[in-house]
Amino acid sequence: MPDPLPRLLITLKSRSEIGRAADHRLPGVPFAYLEGTDPGRLLGIEAMLVGSPARELGSFDPRTLPALSFVQRIYTGLDGFPFERFPPGAVVAANAGAFAPFVAEHAVALALAAGHDLPGAREMVRQGRLRPVPGTRGLTGSTVVVLGFGAIGSEIARRLGAFGARIVGVNRSGAPHPECGRMFPADRLEEAVAGAAFVFETRPLTRATAGTLGRAALEAMAPDAVLVNVGRAGTVDEEALYRHLKDHPSFRAALDVWWQENFAEGTVATRFPFADLANFLGTPHMAAAAPAAEAYALDRAFENLARFFRGEPPLHIVDRREYGP
């Protein structure tokens, strides 16, 4: 008896972890990997699980799939996603919260490392110097602003509670959140960050957020504030941040995301020499690279696919109009 035609198409490279997650969350739903599958067997595909379409699709055109109506991405962000390569009627879902615990942990690590100037302290030890110690910025009792109070933002806030920090948040509507002492709507960004000691940027990159953390917002922060970005680099004005770091030596920035990232070649680049600045700290987009992160993200993605196949509305559907140039 021939195998049933697949209903789910996976463009990720075949791995045992993916098969286990599919069997766990989608028992009875036949699936196929794009690689090595006869295109003639794909006419019944209703949903797709994708990672980076530019690398995974090749010449394959999902618009030729007559039954395709749902596309689930394994990653969180949809900036740069090629919506035009998929049927106009297919809804696309982000994997919101898929890496939130791991990104939040890294964000707090960046804040502590930058706030306590651990790179500078290490250099002192290398030189055999004991004093004067580097100036520190402590999270304990500080006013902390979290931009984008979604899954990552709320996970960061939960961890900062252990430091007794005062949490201020920014989300689209200004609706309150239990992890946050005060919430501002997105159109009051500069008011929200005024005088902040630490600012965590976790917002997605959309038409509404691109470049909004610019000169005015940076100037509104405390002169010795620490900015941590684990969201998307494009929400921050690259030149404005570099100039602010140059002009305000007591201000510090710690970034895990970059304006020019080439995952295919494994390279990162900036238009300005951030790494030459003593008040700058950077990591190579590694916040989600924890050992348990892949299994966690796969489980969440397949649970959303399971909602679709059960006839329930999938979560985290994105509005295509929010993305693009």
Protein backbone atom coordinates (compact mmCIF):
# COMPACT_ATOMS: atom_id res chain seq x y z
CA MET A 1 0.00 0.00 0.00
CA PRO A 2 1.53 3.36 -1.01
CA ASP A 3 2.43 5.94 1.61
CA PRO A 4 -0.26 8.61 2.10
CA LEU A 5 0.37 11.91 0.39
CA PRO A 6 1.96 14.42 2.76
CA ARG A 7 -0.10 17.27 4.18
CA LEU A 8 2.86 19.10 5.72
CA LEU A 9 5.99 20.15 3.85
CA ILE A 10 9.18 20.83 5.81
CA THR A 11 11.90 22.85 4.11
CA LEU A 12 14.38 22.49 6.97
CA LYS A 13 17.15 19.98 6.52
CA SER A 14 16.07 16.53 7.69
CA ARG A 15 17.10 15.82 11.29
CA SER A 16 16.01 13.29 13.88
CA GLU A 17 14.95 16.13 16.22
CA ILE A 18 12.43 17.36 13.65
CA GLY A 19 11.00 13.90 13.13
CA ARG A 20 10.57 13.37 16.86
CA ALA A 21 8.82 16.73 17.29
CA ALA A 22 6.52 16.00 14.35
CA ASP A 23 5.62 12.54 15.65
CA HIS A 24 4.95 13.97 19.11
CA ARG A 25 2.76 16.92 18.10
CA LEU A 26 1.31 15.71 14.79
CA PRO A 27 0.56 12.00 15.09
CA GLY A 28 -1.26 10.84 12.02
CA VAL A 29 -0.37 13.87 9.89
CA PRO A 30 1.88 12.72 7.03
CA PHE A 31 4.77 15.04 6.27
CA ALA A 32 7.63 15.26 3.81
CA TYR A 33 10.89 17.14 3.53
CA LEU A 34 11.27 19.29 0.45
CA GLU A 35 14.73 17.90 -0.18
CA GLY A 36 14.48 14.61 -2.05
CA THR A 37 10.69 14.56 -2.43
CA ASP A 38 9.04 14.09 -5.82
CA PRO A 39 7.15 17.35 -6.56
CA GLY A 40 4.25 15.25 -7.85
CA ARG A 41 3.57 14.09 -4.28
CA LEU A 42 3.18 17.64 -2.95
CA LEU A 43 -0.16 18.61 -4.46
CA GLY A 44 -1.98 17.91 -1.20
CA ILE A 45 0.29 20.06 0.97
CA GLU A 46 -1.80 22.22 3.31
CA ALA A 47 0.94 23.67 5.54
CA MET A 48 4.66 24.35 5.48
CA LEU A 49 7.34 24.60 8.16
CA VAL A 50 10.13 26.88 6.99
CA GLY A 51 13.30 28.38 8.37
CA SER A 52 15.14 30.59 5.88
CA PRO A 53 13.26 30.35 2.56
CA ALA A 54 16.02 32.06 0.61
CA ARG A 55 18.37 29.18 1.45
CA GLU A 56 15.87 26.33 1.60
CA LEU A 57 13.45 26.78 -1.32
CA GLY A 58 15.92 27.01 -4.16
CA SER A 59 13.86 27.06 -7.39
CA PHE A 60 10.81 25.50 -5.75
CA ASP A 61 7.72 27.71 -5.96
CA PRO A 62 5.25 27.24 -3.07
CA ARG A 63 2.67 29.20 -5.09
CA THR A 64 2.21 26.04 -7.16
CA LEU A 65 0.76 24.19 -4.16
CA PRO A 66 -3.02 24.46 -4.64
CA ALA A 67 -3.98 23.49 -1.07
CA LEU A 68 -1.34 25.49 0.82
CA SER A 69 -3.00 27.82 3.33
CA PHE A 70 -0.65 28.03 6.35
CA VAL A 71 3.07 28.72 6.67
CA GLN A 72 4.81 28.35 10.03
CA ARG A 73 8.27 29.78 10.48
CA ILE A 74 10.66 28.14 12.93
CA TYR A 75 12.19 31.51 13.82
CA THR A 76 10.65 34.46 15.61
CA GLY A 77 11.26 37.40 13.27
CA LEU A 78 9.62 38.00 9.90
CA ASP A 79 11.72 40.96 8.75
CA GLY A 80 13.17 40.07 5.36
CA PHE A 81 10.75 37.16 4.92
CA PRO A 82 9.88 36.65 1.21
CA PHE A 83 6.09 36.80 1.53
CA GLU A 84 5.85 37.19 -2.24
CA ARG A 85 7.10 33.62 -2.74
CA PHE A 86 4.02 32.18 -1.04
CA PRO A 87 0.37 32.18 -2.12
CA PRO A 88 -1.35 35.49 -1.25
CA GLY A 89 -4.08 33.62 0.59
CA ALA A 90 -1.70 31.63 2.81
CA VAL A 91 -1.34 32.99 6.34
CA VAL A 92 2.14 33.16 7.86
CA ALA A 93 2.90 32.65 11.54
CA ALA A 94 5.96 33.65 13.51
CA ASN A 95 7.28 31.28 16.15
CA ALA A 96 6.76 33.92 18.85
CA GLY A 97 8.41 33.07 22.14
CA ALA A 98 10.30 30.14 20.63
CA PHE A 99 13.65 31.30 21.99
CA ALA A 100 12.45 33.70 24.68
CA PRO A 101 13.95 32.03 27.81
CA PHE A 102 17.35 31.67 26.17
CA VAL A 103 17.42 35.18 24.68
CA ALA A 104 16.33 36.64 28.02
CA GLU A 105 19.16 34.87 29.82
CA HIS A 106 21.68 36.21 27.33
CA ALA A 107 20.20 39.71 27.58
CA VAL A 108 20.70 39.76 31.34
CA ALA A 109 24.23 38.43 30.88
CA LEU A 110 24.99 41.28 28.47
CA ALA A 111 23.53 43.83 30.87
CA LEU A 112 25.64 42.56 33.75
CA ALA A 113 28.80 42.29 31.66
CA ALA A 114 28.41 45.80 30.24
CA GLY A 115 27.16 47.33 33.49
CA HIS A 116 30.08 45.95 35.47
CA ASP A 117 32.53 46.50 32.59
CA LEU A 118 33.81 42.94 32.71
CA PRO A 119 35.94 43.39 29.55
CA GLY A 120 37.68 46.36 31.20
CA ALA A 121 38.10 44.45 34.44
CA ARG A 122 39.64 41.51 32.59
CA GLU A 123 42.11 43.87 30.94
CA MET A 124 43.10 45.24 34.35
CA VAL A 125 43.84 41.72 35.58
CA ARG A 126 45.82 41.01 32.43
CA GLN A 127 47.91 44.11 33.18
CA GLY A 128 48.28 43.18 36.85
CA ARG A 129 46.36 46.25 38.06
CA LEU A 130 44.10 46.15 41.12
CA ARG A 131 42.87 49.75 41.27
CA PRO A 132 41.06 51.90 40.36
CA VAL A 133 38.20 49.53 39.64
CA PRO A 134 36.02 50.19 36.58
CA GLY A 135 32.85 52.17 37.13
CA THR A 136 29.85 49.88 37.50
CA ARG A 137 26.14 50.18 36.75
CA GLY A 138 24.10 47.85 38.90
CA LEU A 139 20.73 46.36 38.06
CA THR A 140 19.79 46.22 41.74
CA GLY A 141 17.20 48.90 42.42
CA SER A 142 17.66 50.50 38.99
CA THR A 143 14.99 51.75 36.61
CA VAL A 144 14.93 49.40 33.66
CA VAL A 145 12.97 49.96 30.45
CA VAL A 146 12.00 46.97 28.30
CA LEU A 147 11.07 47.90 24.73
CA GLY A 148 8.67 45.35 23.29
CA PHE A 149 6.85 43.54 26.06
CA GLY A 150 6.21 40.31 24.25
CA ALA A 151 7.57 36.88 25.12
CA ILE A 152 11.22 37.95 25.33
CA GLY A 153 10.47 41.21 27.11
CA SER A 154 8.34 39.55 29.77
CA GLU A 155 10.98 36.84 30.31
CA ILE A 156 13.62 39.54 30.81
CA ALA A 157 11.38 41.41 33.25
CA ARG A 158 10.75 38.23 35.22
CA ARG A 159 14.48 37.69 35.67
CA LEU A 160 15.12 41.32 36.58
CA GLY A 161 12.63 41.01 39.40
CA ALA A 162 15.30 39.12 41.34
CA PHE A 163 17.41 42.28 41.32
CA GLY A 164 14.65 44.45 42.68
CA ALA A 165 14.72 46.55 39.52
CA ARG A 166 11.86 48.94 38.71
CA ILE A 167 10.44 47.74 35.41
CA VAL A 168 9.01 50.12 32.82
CA GLY A 169 7.69 48.67 29.57
CA VAL A 170 6.76 49.77 26.06
CA ASN A 171 4.27 47.87 23.93
CA ARG A 172 1.99 48.81 21.05
CA SER A 173 -1.05 49.83 23.05
CA GLY A 174 0.28 50.65 26.50
CA ALA A 175 -1.86 47.89 28.01
CA PRO A 176 -0.54 46.88 31.45
CA HIS A 177 1.39 43.69 32.13
CA PRO A 178 1.82 41.92 35.48
CA GLU A 179 5.63 41.89 35.17
CA CYS A 180 5.76 45.64 34.61
CA GLY A 181 5.30 48.54 37.04
CA ARG A 182 4.35 50.99 34.30
CA MET A 183 3.63 50.57 30.61
CA PHE A 184 3.88 53.13 27.81
CA PRO A 185 2.41 52.88 24.31
CA ALA A 186 4.83 52.75 21.39
CA ASP A 187 4.23 56.38 20.41
CA ARG A 188 5.66 57.55 23.77
CA LEU A 189 9.01 55.82 23.39
CA GLU A 190 11.17 58.81 24.29
CA GLU A 191 9.10 59.54 27.38
CA ALA A 192 9.41 55.91 28.45
CA VAL A 193 13.22 55.80 28.27
CA ALA A 194 13.75 59.20 29.92
CA GLY A 195 16.35 58.81 32.64
CA ALA A 196 16.50 55.02 32.34
CA ALA A 197 19.58 53.29 33.73
CA PHE A 198 19.14 50.18 31.55
CA VAL A 199 17.19 49.81 28.32
CA PHE A 200 16.52 46.40 26.78
CA GLU A 201 15.50 46.43 23.11
CA THR A 202 13.46 43.33 22.16
CA ARG A 203 11.06 44.69 19.51
CA PRO A 204 10.62 43.08 16.08
CA LEU A 205 11.78 44.99 13.02
CA THR A 206 8.71 46.29 11.20
CA ARG A 207 7.83 49.39 9.24
CA ALA A 208 6.65 50.94 12.50
CA THR A 209 9.81 50.21 14.55
CA ALA A 210 12.61 50.68 12.00
CA GLY A 211 15.13 53.27 13.20
CA THR A 212 12.92 54.50 16.04
CA LEU A 213 15.65 54.21 18.66
CA GLY A 214 17.61 57.17 17.37
CA ARG A 215 19.38 60.26 18.59
CA ALA A 216 16.46 61.74 20.53
CA ALA A 217 15.72 58.51 22.40
CA LEU A 218 19.40 57.94 23.20
CA GLU A 219 19.75 61.47 24.52
CA ALA A 220 16.70 60.95 26.72
CA MET A 221 18.34 58.05 28.58
CA ALA A 222 20.61 58.59 31.58
CA PRO A 223 24.11 59.73 30.50
CA ASP A 224 25.58 56.55 31.96
CA ALA A 225 22.81 54.22 30.82
CA VAL A 226 23.36 50.73 29.42
CA LEU A 227 21.56 49.78 26.19
CA VAL A 228 21.14 46.06 25.47
CA ASN A 229 19.77 44.96 22.09
CA VAL A 230 18.65 41.36 21.61
CA GLY A 231 15.76 42.22 19.27
CA ARG A 232 16.67 43.49 15.82
CA ALA A 233 19.50 45.85 14.93
CA GLY A 234 17.36 47.79 12.46
CA THR A 235 15.19 49.27 15.20
CA VAL A 236 18.26 51.26 16.26
CA ASP A 237 19.79 54.04 14.15
CA GLU A 238 23.29 52.66 13.63
CA GLU A 239 25.04 55.99 13.12
CA ALA A 240 23.16 57.67 15.97
CA LEU A 241 24.24 54.92 18.38
CA TYR A 242 27.87 55.09 17.30
CA ARG A 243 27.98 58.88 17.62
CA HIS A 244 26.28 58.68 21.02
CA LEU A 245 28.83 56.16 22.29
CA LYS A 246 31.67 58.33 20.99
CA ASP A 247 30.28 61.51 22.52
CA HIS A 248 29.19 59.94 25.83
CA PRO A 249 32.00 57.70 27.12
CA SER A 250 30.02 56.83 30.24
CA PHE A 251 27.15 55.41 28.10
CA ARG A 252 27.46 51.72 27.29
CA ALA A 253 25.92 49.45 24.67
CA ALA A 254 25.82 45.66 24.45
CA LEU A 255 24.51 44.15 21.21
CA ASP A 256 23.78 40.61 20.05
CA VAL A 257 22.13 41.66 16.76
CA TRP A 258 23.65 43.46 13.79
CA TRP A 259 22.70 45.61 10.84
CA GLN A 260 24.66 43.41 8.41
CA GLU A 261 24.44 39.69 9.13
CA ASN A 262 25.28 37.05 6.56
CA PHE A 263 24.33 33.67 8.00
CA ALA A 264 25.22 31.85 4.79
CA GLU A 265 28.84 33.02 5.04
CA GLY A 266 28.89 33.31 8.83
CA THR A 267 29.95 36.97 8.88
CA VAL A 268 28.88 40.16 10.61
CA ALA A 269 29.78 43.73 9.69
CA THR A 270 29.07 47.30 10.80
CA ARG A 271 29.38 50.63 9.02
CA PHE A 272 31.14 52.11 12.05
CA PRO A 273 34.01 50.71 14.18
CA PHE A 274 31.95 49.87 17.26
CA ALA A 275 34.43 47.24 18.42
CA ASP A 276 37.11 49.92 18.83
CA LEU A 277 35.07 51.66 21.54
CA ALA A 278 35.77 50.85 25.19
CA ASN A 279 32.10 51.41 26.09
CA PHE A 280 30.86 48.81 23.62
CA LEU A 281 30.30 45.07 24.00
CA GLY A 282 29.13 42.72 21.26
CA THR A 283 28.29 39.06 20.75
CA PRO A 284 27.72 37.30 17.39
CA HIS A 285 23.91 36.82 17.41
CA MET A 286 24.26 33.90 19.79
CA ALA A 287 21.49 34.52 22.32
CA ALA A 288 19.34 31.69 20.98
CA ALA A 289 22.22 29.24 20.51
CA ALA A 290 21.64 27.37 23.78
CA PRO A 291 21.77 23.55 23.71
CA ALA A 292 18.08 23.16 24.52
CA ALA A 293 16.85 25.96 22.27
CA GLU A 294 16.23 23.96 19.09
CA ALA A 295 14.03 21.36 20.75
CA TYR A 296 12.09 24.11 22.54
CA ALA A 297 11.53 26.05 19.31
CA LEU A 298 10.55 22.97 17.31
CA ASP A 299 8.00 21.94 19.92
CA ARG A 300 6.35 25.36 19.85
CA ALA A 301 6.29 25.46 16.05
CA PHE A 302 4.75 22.00 15.79
CA GLU A 303 2.18 22.82 18.46
CA ASN A 304 1.03 25.75 16.33
CA LEU A 305 0.92 23.47 13.29
CA ALA A 306 -1.13 21.05 15.38
CA ARG A 307 -3.63 23.83 16.06
CA PHE A 308 -3.97 24.33 12.31
CA PHE A 309 -4.50 20.64 11.59
CA ARG A 310 -7.03 20.40 14.43
CA GLY A 311 -9.02 23.16 12.79
CA GLU A 312 -8.15 25.73 15.48
CA PRO A 313 -6.90 29.23 14.66
CA PRO A 314 -3.07 29.24 14.69
CA LEU A 315 -1.34 31.69 17.00
CA HIS A 316 1.02 34.54 16.06
CA ILE A 317 -0.32 35.22 12.56
CA VAL A 318 1.51 38.22 11.13
CA ASP A 319 0.19 41.09 9.06
CA ARG A 320 2.22 41.14 5.84
CA ARG A 321 1.64 44.89 5.55
CA GLU A 322 3.84 45.51 8.61
CA TYR A 323 6.93 44.17 6.86
CA GLY A 324 8.89 45.19 3.83
CA PRO A 325 10.72 48.35 2.78
